[in-house]
C-alpha cells in the first residue's frame, strides 16, 4: 500500500530515477564503468606514446635516408673510411 506521503512526494518530484533497480546495483554499474574507463585511458596513453615514438623514429629514419641519398653528412652517420 502506498502512503499518502509517497503519493504526494511522487506527484511533486516524479518517480524515483532508475525505477526498481536497487541502489547497490547502480553503484556496482558505476564502479564497473569507472574501471573500464581507466583501462581504456591506460591503453590509449600507451598507444599515444607508441605512436609518438614511431613518428620520431620515422623522422630520424627519413633524415638518415635523405642524407645518404644526397651524400650529406648527418650527426649520426658513421665516419667514412
C-alpha atoms as a PDB file:
ATOM      1  CA  UNK A   1       0.000   0.000   0.000  1.00  0.00           C
ATOM      2  CA  UNK A   2       1.289   3.430  -0.956  1.00  0.00           C
ATOM      3  CA  UNK A   3       1.255   6.017   1.808  1.00  0.00           C
ATOM      4  CA  UNK A   4      -0.317   9.418   1.444  1.00  0.00           C
ATOM      5  CA  UNK A   5       3.184  10.901   1.764  1.00  0.00           C
ATOM      6  CA  UNK A   6       4.551   8.714  -1.064  1.00  0.00           C
ATOM      7  CA  UNK A   7       1.676   9.699  -3.324  1.00  0.00           C
ATOM      8  CA  UNK A   8       2.265  13.380  -2.580  1.00  0.00           C
ATOM      9  CA  UNK A   9       6.073  13.104  -2.980  1.00  0.00           C
ATOM     10  CA  UNK A  10       5.855  11.326  -6.356  1.00  0.00           C
ATOM     11  CA  UNK A  11       3.334  13.901  -7.532  1.00  0.00           C
ATOM     12  CA  UNK A  12       5.753  16.679  -6.597  1.00  0.00           C
ATOM     13  CA  UNK A  13       9.036  15.135  -7.758  1.00  0.00           C
ATOM     14  CA  UNK A  14       8.203  12.341 -10.162  1.00  0.00           C
ATOM     15  CA  UNK A  15       9.149   8.700  -9.972  1.00  0.00           C
ATOM     16  CA  UNK A  16      12.426   7.574  -8.469  1.00  0.00           C
ATOM     17  CA  UNK A  17      15.234   7.637 -11.093  1.00  0.00           C
ATOM     18  CA  UNK A  18      16.267   4.156 -12.139  1.00  0.00           C
ATOM     19  CA  UNK A  19      12.919   2.654 -11.368  1.00  0.00           C
ATOM     20  CA  UNK A  20      13.140  -0.515  -9.305  1.00  0.00           C
ATOM     21  CA  UNK A  21      16.867  -1.119  -9.867  1.00  0.00           C
ATOM     22  CA  UNK A  22      18.492  -1.428  -6.419  1.00  0.00           C
ATOM     23  CA  UNK A  23      20.889   1.339  -5.433  1.00  0.00           C
ATOM     24  CA  UNK A  24      23.686  -1.198  -4.818  1.00  0.00           C
ATOM     25  CA  UNK A  25      23.324  -2.348  -8.434  1.00  0.00           C
ATOM     26  CA  UNK A  26      23.608   1.207  -9.725  1.00  0.00           C
ATOM     27  CA  UNK A  27      26.739   1.707  -7.600  1.00  0.00           C
ATOM     28  CA  UNK A  28      28.181  -1.543  -8.931  1.00  0.00           C
ATOM     29  CA  UNK A  29      27.474  -0.450 -12.514  1.00  0.00           C
ATOM     30  CA  UNK A  30      29.195   2.886 -11.888  1.00  0.00           C
ATOM     31  CA  UNK A  31      32.274   1.147 -10.452  1.00  0.00           C
ATOM     32  CA  UNK A  32      32.488  -1.226 -13.414  1.00  0.00           C
ATOM     33  CA  UNK A  33      32.218   1.713 -15.794  1.00  0.00           C
ATOM     34  CA  UNK A  34      34.992   3.554 -13.920  1.00  0.00           C
ATOM     35  CA  UNK A  35      37.271   0.526 -14.145  1.00  0.00           C
ATOM     36  CA  UNK A  36      36.523   0.171 -17.829  1.00  0.00           C
ATOM     37  CA  UNK A  37      37.220   3.853 -18.402  1.00  0.00           C
ATOM     38  CA  UNK A  38      40.513   3.653 -16.503  1.00  0.00           C
ATOM     39  CA  UNK A  39      41.606   0.623 -18.528  1.00  0.00           C
ATOM     40  CA  UNK A  40      40.753   2.432 -21.747  1.00  0.00           C
ATOM     41  CA  UNK A  41      42.671   5.539 -20.594  1.00  0.00           C
ATOM     42  CA  UNK A  42      45.763   3.459 -19.803  1.00  0.00           C
ATOM     43  CA  UNK A  43      45.602   1.706 -23.167  1.00  0.00           C
ATOM     44  CA  UNK A  44      45.105   4.997 -25.006  1.00  0.00           C
ATOM     45  CA  UNK A  45      48.076   6.599 -23.232  1.00  0.00           C
ATOM     46  CA  UNK A  46      50.279   3.634 -24.151  1.00  0.00           C
ATOM     47  CA  UNK A  47      49.083   3.805 -27.763  1.00  0.00           C
ATOM     48  CA  UNK A  48      49.780   7.544 -27.992  1.00  0.00           C
ATOM     49  CA  UNK A  49      53.267   7.079 -26.515  1.00  0.00           C
ATOM     50  CA  UNK A  50      53.995   4.284 -29.000  1.00  0.00           C
ATOM     51  CA  UNK A  51      52.755   6.399 -31.917  1.00  0.00           C
ATOM     52  CA  UNK A  52      54.896   9.355 -30.793  1.00  0.00           C
ATOM     53  CA  UNK A  53      57.999   7.132 -30.617  1.00  0.00           C
ATOM     54  CA  UNK A  54      57.187   5.688 -34.047  1.00  0.00           C
ATOM     55  CA  UNK A  55      56.779   9.162 -35.567  1.00  0.00           C
ATOM     56  CA  UNK A  56      60.071  10.287 -34.050  1.00  0.00           C
ATOM     57  CA  UNK A  57      61.897   7.204 -35.293  1.00  0.00           C
ATOM     58  CA  UNK A  58      60.396   7.585 -38.776  1.00  0.00           C
ATOM     59  CA  UNK A  59      61.570  11.199 -38.901  1.00  0.00           C
ATOM     60  CA  UNK A  60      65.108  10.134 -37.976  1.00  0.00           C
ATOM     61  CA  UNK A  61      64.976   7.239 -40.431  1.00  0.00           C
ATOM     62  CA  UNK A  62      63.921   9.534 -43.275  1.00  0.00           C
ATOM     63  CA  UNK A  63      66.542  12.145 -42.354  1.00  0.00           C
ATOM     64  CA  UNK A  64      69.255   9.486 -42.492  1.00  0.00           C
ATOM     65  CA  UNK A  65      67.938   8.069 -45.765  1.00  0.00           C
ATOM     66  CA  UNK A  66      67.772  11.529 -47.323  1.00  0.00           C
ATOM     67  CA  UNK A  67      71.303  12.318 -46.133  1.00  0.00           C
ATOM     68  CA  UNK A  68      72.616   9.071 -47.593  1.00  0.00           C
ATOM     69  CA  UNK A  69      70.833   9.711 -50.888  1.00  0.00           C
ATOM     70  CA  UNK A  70      72.268  13.219 -51.220  1.00  0.00           C
ATOM     71  CA  UNK A  71      75.661  12.466 -49.704  1.00  0.00           C
ATOM     72  CA  UNK A  72      75.077  14.961 -46.910  1.00  0.00           C
ATOM     73  CA  UNK A  73      76.676  14.130 -43.571  1.00  0.00           C
ATOM     74  CA  UNK A  74      74.473  13.628 -40.536  1.00  0.00           C
ATOM     75  CA  UNK A  75      75.463  13.723 -36.905  1.00  0.00           C
ATOM     76  CA  UNK A  76      74.562  10.060 -36.539  1.00  0.00           C
ATOM     77  CA  UNK A  77      76.367   8.924 -39.684  1.00  0.00           C
ATOM     78  CA  UNK A  78      79.435   6.814 -39.139  1.00  0.00           C
ATOM     79  CA  UNK A  79      82.806   8.177 -40.307  1.00  0.00           C
ATOM     80  CA  UNK A  80      83.824   7.369 -43.860  1.00  0.00           C
ATOM     81  CA  UNK A  81      86.989   5.310 -44.184  1.00  0.00           C
END
